[in-house]
Amino acid sequence: MPNITSISKTMRTKRTNIPQDVLAKLGFDAVEYKFISNEHSFDKLVEINDLLTCEQKYAVMEQQGCHKGGRMDKESKAFAEEHADKSFAERLKVLSIEDEGLHINDDGTISLQTCEVDNNDVARGCQCLKRDNEMKFNSFIEEYPDKASSFSQFHCGCCAGHQKHHLQNKLGVKLKLKSIGTSVSKTGNGQKRIFIYEVTQ
């Protein structure tokens, strides 16, 4: 689940360019957000989604991620060490063979497909939704269909953040989250969520 305390810290940094009046509306301008409950955090996520532009949300969420350590971290570092003598293009080719959901696009961006969805458009194996208040999440996107796509993409930005972290380690380049091509509320049957990253250096 996206961590509001971490998000509030990120939003106060200059690199995200969040206006002071927006921080004030969210209560992030002067004091650090204090976790109250999962339900309160969910409501705060809804507020953030309503107040930030798409570009601002990506700038904030690409710095999040709840699985930056542990097994995935060890695996990404092991891959980088094993292929230390290879160029970015060579590493990308190896990764795309290992993971059919990863490929480079015609415009030079990188697409990563994750989390298949079930018949109800809920991500299979999505740990965020299992830990999160899943019923509240589903009720919200049903009650506010006009906000469903943007909110679920924003929510999934936490996953996009940790995927970006590990891809950077594996490929030896800096990435920027450009878009979340699909979301848990708007993905068709048999498809996956798509995170699209731009190589910045």
C-alpha atoms as a PDB file:
ATOM      1  CA  MET A   1       0.000   0.000   0.000  1.00  0.00           C
ATOM      2  CA  PRO A   2       1.303   3.492  -0.772  1.00  0.00           C
ATOM      3  CA  ASN A   3       2.820   4.978   2.387  1.00  0.00           C
ATOM      4  CA  ILE A   4       1.384   8.417   3.160  1.00  0.00           C
ATOM      5  CA  THR A   5       4.252   9.421   5.441  1.00  0.00           C
ATOM      6  CA  SER A   6       6.744   8.700   2.662  1.00  0.00           C
ATOM      7  CA  ILE A   7       4.546  10.404   0.058  1.00  0.00           C
ATOM      8  CA  SER A   8       4.233  13.535   2.224  1.00  0.00           C
ATOM      9  CA  LYS A   9       8.027  13.748   2.575  1.00  0.00           C
ATOM     10  CA  THR A  10       8.504  13.333  -1.172  1.00  0.00           C
ATOM     11  CA  MET A  11       5.904  16.001  -1.926  1.00  0.00           C
ATOM     12  CA  ARG A  12       7.800  18.534   0.179  1.00  0.00           C
ATOM     13  CA  THR A  13      10.989  18.123  -1.875  1.00  0.00           C
ATOM     14  CA  LYS A  14      11.766  20.702  -4.565  1.00  0.00           C
ATOM     15  CA  ARG A  15      12.102  18.112  -7.329  1.00  0.00           C
ATOM     16  CA  THR A  16       8.359  17.342  -7.322  1.00  0.00           C
ATOM     17  CA  ASN A  17       7.338  21.005  -7.778  1.00  0.00           C
ATOM     18  CA  ILE A  18       4.209  20.702  -5.622  1.00  0.00           C
ATOM     19  CA  PRO A  19       2.773  24.202  -4.936  1.00  0.00           C
ATOM     20  CA  GLN A  20       2.691  25.348  -1.320  1.00  0.00           C
ATOM     21  CA  ASP A  21      -1.081  25.855  -1.386  1.00  0.00           C
ATOM     22  CA  VAL A  22      -1.594  22.215  -2.380  1.00  0.00           C
ATOM     23  CA  LEU A  23       0.677  21.063   0.454  1.00  0.00           C
ATOM     24  CA  ALA A  24      -1.315  23.258   2.831  1.00  0.00           C
ATOM     25  CA  LYS A  25      -4.645  21.771   1.708  1.00  0.00           C
ATOM     26  CA  LEU A  26      -3.270  18.306   2.422  1.00  0.00           C
ATOM     27  CA  GLY A  27      -1.739  19.301   5.748  1.00  0.00           C
ATOM     28  CA  PHE A  28       1.776  18.526   4.486  1.00  0.00           C
ATOM     29  CA  ASP A  29       3.162  22.079   4.504  1.00  0.00           C
ATOM     30  CA  ALA A  30       4.461  22.510   8.040  1.00  0.00           C
ATOM     31  CA  VAL A  31       4.368  19.200   9.869  1.00  0.00           C
ATOM     32  CA  GLU A  32       5.029  15.591   8.944  1.00  0.00           C
ATOM     33  CA  TYR A  33       1.924  13.549   8.346  1.00  0.00           C
ATOM     34  CA  LYS A  34       1.183  11.166  11.203  1.00  0.00           C
ATOM     35  CA  PHE A  35      -0.267   7.765  10.352  1.00  0.00           C
ATOM     36  CA  ILE A  36      -3.723   7.327  11.889  1.00  0.00           C
ATOM     37  CA  SER A  37      -5.247   4.279  10.205  1.00  0.00           C
ATOM     38  CA  ASN A  38      -5.427   2.505   6.846  1.00  0.00           C
ATOM     39  CA  GLU A  39      -8.856   4.026   6.285  1.00  0.00           C
ATOM     40  CA  HIS A  40      -7.587   7.540   6.964  1.00  0.00           C
ATOM     41  CA  SER A  41      -4.607   6.887   4.682  1.00  0.00           C
ATOM     42  CA  PHE A  42      -6.920   5.763   1.894  1.00  0.00           C
ATOM     43  CA  ASP A  43      -8.955   8.960   2.203  1.00  0.00           C
ATOM     44  CA  LYS A  44      -5.731  10.986   2.077  1.00  0.00           C
ATOM     45  CA  LEU A  45      -4.720   9.160  -1.122  1.00  0.00           C
ATOM     46  CA  VAL A  46      -8.042  10.192  -2.650  1.00  0.00           C
ATOM     47  CA  GLU A  47      -7.342  13.826  -1.696  1.00  0.00           C
ATOM     48  CA  ILE A  48      -3.864  13.705  -3.226  1.00  0.00           C
ATOM     49  CA  ASN A  49      -5.208  12.185  -6.427  1.00  0.00           C
ATOM     50  CA  ASP A  50      -7.762  14.994  -6.738  1.00  0.00           C
ATOM     51  CA  LEU A  51      -5.251  17.793  -6.175  1.00  0.00           C
ATOM     52  CA  LEU A  52      -2.185  16.719  -8.167  1.00  0.00           C
ATOM     53  CA  THR A  53      -1.684  16.759 -11.921  1.00  0.00           C
ATOM     54  CA  CYS A  54      -0.780  13.503 -13.638  1.00  0.00           C
ATOM     55  CA  GLU A  55       2.832  14.665 -14.033  1.00  0.00           C
ATOM     56  CA  GLN A  56       3.083  15.571 -10.344  1.00  0.00           C
ATOM     57  CA  LYS A  57       1.662  12.199  -9.285  1.00  0.00           C
ATOM     58  CA  TYR A  58       4.229  10.329 -11.372  1.00  0.00           C
ATOM     59  CA  ALA A  59       7.038  12.505  -9.974  1.00  0.00           C
ATOM     60  CA  VAL A  60       5.925  11.619  -6.437  1.00  0.00           C
ATOM     61  CA  MET A  61       5.107   7.951  -6.935  1.00  0.00           C
ATOM     62  CA  GLU A  62       8.220   7.000  -8.901  1.00  0.00           C
ATOM     63  CA  GLN A  63      10.130   7.640  -5.674  1.00  0.00           C
ATOM     64  CA  GLN A  64       7.909   5.294  -3.644  1.00  0.00           C
ATOM     65  CA  GLY A  65       7.982   1.516  -3.449  1.00  0.00           C
ATOM     66  CA  CYS A  66       7.366  -1.002  -0.686  1.00  0.00           C
ATOM     67  CA  HIS A  67       9.630  -3.772  -2.034  1.00  0.00           C
ATOM     68  CA  LYS A  68      12.960  -2.010  -2.566  1.00  0.00           C
ATOM     69  CA  GLY A  69      14.784  -4.371  -0.220  1.00  0.00           C
ATOM     70  CA  GLY A  70      14.660  -8.074   0.503  1.00  0.00           C
ATOM     71  CA  ARG A  71      14.654 -10.763  -2.181  1.00  0.00           C
ATOM     72  CA  MET A  72      14.055  -8.409  -5.101  1.00  0.00           C
ATOM     73  CA  ASP A  73      16.954  -6.209  -4.049  1.00  0.00           C
ATOM     74  CA  LYS A  74      19.300  -9.191  -3.806  1.00  0.00           C
ATOM     75  CA  GLU A  75      18.177 -10.457  -7.207  1.00  0.00           C
ATOM     76  CA  SER A  76      18.619  -7.092  -8.947  1.00  0.00           C
ATOM     77  CA  LYS A  77      22.078  -6.583  -7.452  1.00  0.00           C
ATOM     78  CA  ALA A  78      23.079 -10.142  -8.380  1.00  0.00           C
ATOM     79  CA  PHE A  79      21.964  -9.537 -11.973  1.00  0.00           C
ATOM     80  CA  ALA A  80      23.977  -6.300 -12.141  1.00  0.00           C
ATOM     81  CA  GLU A  81      27.060  -8.051 -10.802  1.00  0.00           C
ATOM     82  CA  GLU A  82      26.704 -10.999 -13.178  1.00  0.00           C
ATOM     83  CA  HIS A  83      26.355  -8.701 -16.201  1.00  0.00           C
ATOM     84  CA  ALA A  84      28.688  -5.905 -15.081  1.00  0.00           C
ATOM     85  CA  ASP A  85      30.714  -6.186 -18.292  1.00  0.00           C
ATOM     86  CA  LYS A  86      27.659  -5.730 -20.536  1.00  0.00           C
ATOM     87  CA  SER A  87      26.299  -2.499 -21.994  1.00  0.00           C
ATOM     88  CA  PHE A  88      22.819  -1.156 -21.275  1.00  0.00           C
ATOM     89  CA  ALA A  89      21.517  -2.586 -24.571  1.00  0.00           C
ATOM     90  CA  GLU A  90      23.019  -5.988 -23.821  1.00  0.00           C
ATOM     91  CA  ARG A  91      21.578  -6.075 -20.313  1.00  0.00           C
ATOM     92  CA  LEU A  92      18.168  -5.057 -21.646  1.00  0.00           C
ATOM     93  CA  LYS A  93      18.274  -7.871 -24.191  1.00  0.00           C
ATOM     94  CA  VAL A  94      19.057 -10.434 -21.479  1.00  0.00           C
ATOM     95  CA  LEU A  95      16.271  -9.077 -19.265  1.00  0.00           C
ATOM     96  CA  SER A  96      13.711  -9.125 -22.073  1.00  0.00           C
ATOM     97  CA  ILE A  97      14.497 -12.815 -22.658  1.00  0.00           C
ATOM     98  CA  GLU A  98      14.099 -13.586 -18.949  1.00  0.00           C
ATOM     99  CA  ASP A  99      10.924 -11.495 -18.604  1.00  0.00           C
ATOM    100  CA  GLU A 100       8.525 -11.461 -21.557  1.00  0.00           C
ATOM    101  CA  GLY A 101       6.734  -8.471 -20.035  1.00  0.00           C
ATOM    102  CA  LEU A 102       9.774  -6.237 -20.516  1.00  0.00           C
ATOM    103  CA  HIS A 103      10.612  -4.612 -23.838  1.00  0.00           C
ATOM    104  CA  ILE A 104      11.931  -1.418 -25.397  1.00  0.00           C
ATOM    105  CA  ASN A 105       9.522   0.683 -27.451  1.00  0.00           C
ATOM    106  CA  ASP A 106      10.114   2.425 -30.774  1.00  0.00           C
ATOM    107  CA  ASP A 107      10.505   5.775 -28.977  1.00  0.00           C
ATOM    108  CA  GLY A 108      13.247   4.396 -26.716  1.00  0.00           C
ATOM    109  CA  THR A 109      11.073   4.044 -23.606  1.00  0.00           C
ATOM    110  CA  ILE A 110      10.916   0.796 -21.643  1.00  0.00           C
ATOM    111  CA  SER A 111       7.638  -1.014 -20.964  1.00  0.00           C
ATOM    112  CA  LEU A 112       7.188  -3.422 -18.075  1.00  0.00           C
ATOM    113  CA  GLN A 113       4.002  -5.457 -17.805  1.00  0.00           C
ATOM    114  CA  THR A 114       3.072  -6.692 -14.342  1.00  0.00           C
ATOM    115  CA  CYS A 115       0.153  -8.202 -12.432  1.00  0.00           C
ATOM    116  CA  GLU A 116      -2.400 -10.037 -14.540  1.00  0.00           C
ATOM    117  CA  VAL A 117      -5.964  -9.093 -13.676  1.00  0.00           C
ATOM    118  CA  ASP A 118      -8.932 -11.335 -12.970  1.00  0.00           C
ATOM    119  CA  ASN A 119     -12.419 -11.173 -14.462  1.00  0.00           C
ATOM    120  CA  ASN A 120     -13.299  -8.350 -12.060  1.00  0.00           C
ATOM    121  CA  ASP A 121     -10.267  -6.308 -13.212  1.00  0.00           C
ATOM    122  CA  VAL A 122      -8.538  -6.773  -9.844  1.00  0.00           C
ATOM    123  CA  ALA A 123      -4.818  -7.499  -9.986  1.00  0.00           C
ATOM    124  CA  ARG A 124      -3.993 -11.111  -9.188  1.00  0.00           C
ATOM    125  CA  GLY A 125      -1.307 -11.405  -6.544  1.00  0.00           C
ATOM    126  CA  CYS A 126      -1.333  -7.663  -5.869  1.00  0.00           C
ATOM    127  CA  GLN A 127       0.035  -7.466  -2.332  1.00  0.00           C
ATOM    128  CA  CYS A 128      -0.988  -3.803  -2.033  1.00  0.00           C
ATOM    129  CA  LEU A 129      -4.656  -4.603  -2.488  1.00  0.00           C
ATOM    130  CA  LYS A 130      -4.465  -7.569  -0.110  1.00  0.00           C
ATOM    131  CA  ARG A 131      -2.827  -5.480   2.612  1.00  0.00           C
ATOM    132  CA  ASP A 132      -4.899  -2.430   1.794  1.00  0.00           C
ATOM    133  CA  ASN A 133      -8.596  -2.044   2.482  1.00  0.00           C
ATOM    134  CA  GLU A 134      -9.587  -3.889  -0.718  1.00  0.00           C
ATOM    135  CA  MET A 135     -13.336  -3.536  -0.159  1.00  0.00           C
ATOM    136  CA  LYS A 136     -12.939   0.222   0.323  1.00  0.00           C
ATOM    137  CA  PHE A 137     -10.815   0.449  -2.818  1.00  0.00           C
ATOM    138  CA  ASN A 138     -13.374  -1.439  -4.925  1.00  0.00           C
ATOM    139  CA  SER A 139     -16.309   0.461  -3.427  1.00  0.00           C
ATOM    140  CA  PHE A 140     -14.624   3.782  -4.229  1.00  0.00           C
ATOM    141  CA  ILE A 141     -13.964   3.004  -7.895  1.00  0.00           C
ATOM    142  CA  GLU A 142     -17.540   1.728  -8.263  1.00  0.00           C
ATOM    143  CA  GLU A 143     -19.023   4.826  -6.597  1.00  0.00           C
ATOM    144  CA  TYR A 144     -16.845   7.272  -8.536  1.00  0.00           C
ATOM    145  CA  PRO A 145     -16.373   5.748 -12.012  1.00  0.00           C
ATOM    146  CA  ASP A 146     -15.094   9.082 -13.354  1.00  0.00           C
ATOM    147  CA  LYS A 147     -12.174   8.871 -10.896  1.00  0.00           C
ATOM    148  CA  ALA A 148     -11.577   5.117 -11.169  1.00  0.00           C
ATOM    149  CA  SER A 149      -8.871   5.171 -13.810  1.00  0.00           C
ATOM    150  CA  SER A 150      -6.813   8.054 -12.424  1.00  0.00           C
ATOM    151  CA  PHE A 151      -7.027   6.831  -8.825  1.00  0.00           C
ATOM    152  CA  SER A 152      -6.087   3.223  -9.499  1.00  0.00           C
ATOM    153  CA  GLN A 153      -3.171   4.352 -11.682  1.00  0.00           C
ATOM    154  CA  PHE A 154      -2.021   6.671  -8.884  1.00  0.00           C
ATOM    155  CA  HIS A 155      -2.378   3.872  -6.316  1.00  0.00           C
ATOM    156  CA  CYS A 156      -0.333   1.522  -8.540  1.00  0.00           C
ATOM    157  CA  GLY A 157       2.405   4.158  -8.769  1.00  0.00           C
ATOM    158  CA  CYS A 158       3.879   2.693  -5.578  1.00  0.00           C
ATOM    159  CA  CYS A 159       4.509  -0.553  -7.460  1.00  0.00           C
ATOM    160  CA  ALA A 160       5.890   1.408 -10.419  1.00  0.00           C
ATOM    161  CA  GLY A 161       8.336   3.041  -8.006  1.00  0.00           C
ATOM    162  CA  HIS A 162       9.850  -0.165  -6.687  1.00  0.00           C
ATOM    163  CA  GLN A 163       9.946  -1.724 -10.161  1.00  0.00           C
ATOM    164  CA  LYS A 164      11.839   1.360 -11.363  1.00  0.00           C
ATOM    165  CA  HIS A 165      14.304   1.008  -8.474  1.00  0.00           C
ATOM    166  CA  HIS A 166      15.190  -2.577  -9.386  1.00  0.00           C
ATOM    167  CA  LEU A 167      15.303  -1.921 -13.135  1.00  0.00           C
ATOM    168  CA  GLN A 168      17.782   0.904 -12.563  1.00  0.00           C
ATOM    169  CA  ASN A 169      20.002  -1.436 -10.565  1.00  0.00           C
ATOM    170  CA  LYS A 170      19.828  -4.139 -13.216  1.00  0.00           C
ATOM    171  CA  LEU A 171      20.312  -1.893 -16.257  1.00  0.00           C
ATOM    172  CA  GLY A 172      22.784   0.599 -14.778  1.00  0.00           C
ATOM    173  CA  VAL A 173      20.817   3.638 -16.016  1.00  0.00           C
ATOM    174  CA  LYS A 174      18.543   6.282 -14.519  1.00  0.00           C
ATOM    175  CA  LEU A 175      14.843   5.974 -15.330  1.00  0.00           C
ATOM    176  CA  LYS A 176      11.830   8.252 -15.067  1.00  0.00           C
ATOM    177  CA  LEU A 177       8.241   7.011 -14.773  1.00  0.00           C
ATOM    178  CA  LYS A 178       6.508   8.309 -17.878  1.00  0.00           C
ATOM    179  CA  SER A 179       3.115   6.664 -17.520  1.00  0.00           C
ATOM    180  CA  ILE A 180       1.084   3.803 -16.156  1.00  0.00           C
ATOM    181  CA  GLY A 181      -0.474   2.444 -19.308  1.00  0.00           C
ATOM    182  CA  THR A 182      -3.225   0.504 -17.610  1.00  0.00           C
ATOM    183  CA  SER A 183      -4.641   0.193 -14.128  1.00  0.00           C
ATOM    184  CA  VAL A 184      -6.390  -2.351 -11.943  1.00  0.00           C
ATOM    185  CA  SER A 185      -9.781  -0.781 -12.626  1.00  0.00           C
ATOM    186  CA  LYS A 186      -9.454  -0.282 -16.368  1.00  0.00           C
ATOM    187  CA  THR A 187      -7.445  -3.234 -17.654  1.00  0.00           C
ATOM    188  CA  GLY A 188      -9.234  -5.632 -19.993  1.00  0.00           C
ATOM    189  CA  ASN A 189      -9.362  -9.353 -19.367  1.00  0.00           C
ATOM    190  CA  GLY A 190      -6.131 -11.193 -20.074  1.00  0.00           C
ATOM    191  CA  GLN A 191      -4.037  -8.008 -20.092  1.00  0.00           C
ATOM    192  CA  LYS A 192      -1.564  -6.662 -17.554  1.00  0.00           C
ATOM    193  CA  ARG A 193      -0.718  -3.324 -16.027  1.00  0.00           C
ATOM    194  CA  ILE A 194       1.975  -1.535 -18.009  1.00  0.00           C
ATOM    195  CA  PHE A 195       4.585   0.751 -16.489  1.00  0.00           C
ATOM    196  CA  ILE A 196       6.428   2.891 -19.032  1.00  0.00           C
ATOM    197  CA  TYR A 197       9.821   4.382 -18.187  1.00  0.00           C
ATOM    198  CA  GLU A 198      11.994   6.903 -19.963  1.00  0.00           C
ATOM    199  CA  VAL A 199      15.779   6.477 -19.874  1.00  0.00           C
ATOM    200  CA  THR A 200      17.222   9.764 -18.591  1.00  0.00           C
ATOM    201  CA  GLN A 201      20.943   8.814 -18.467  1.00  0.00           C
END
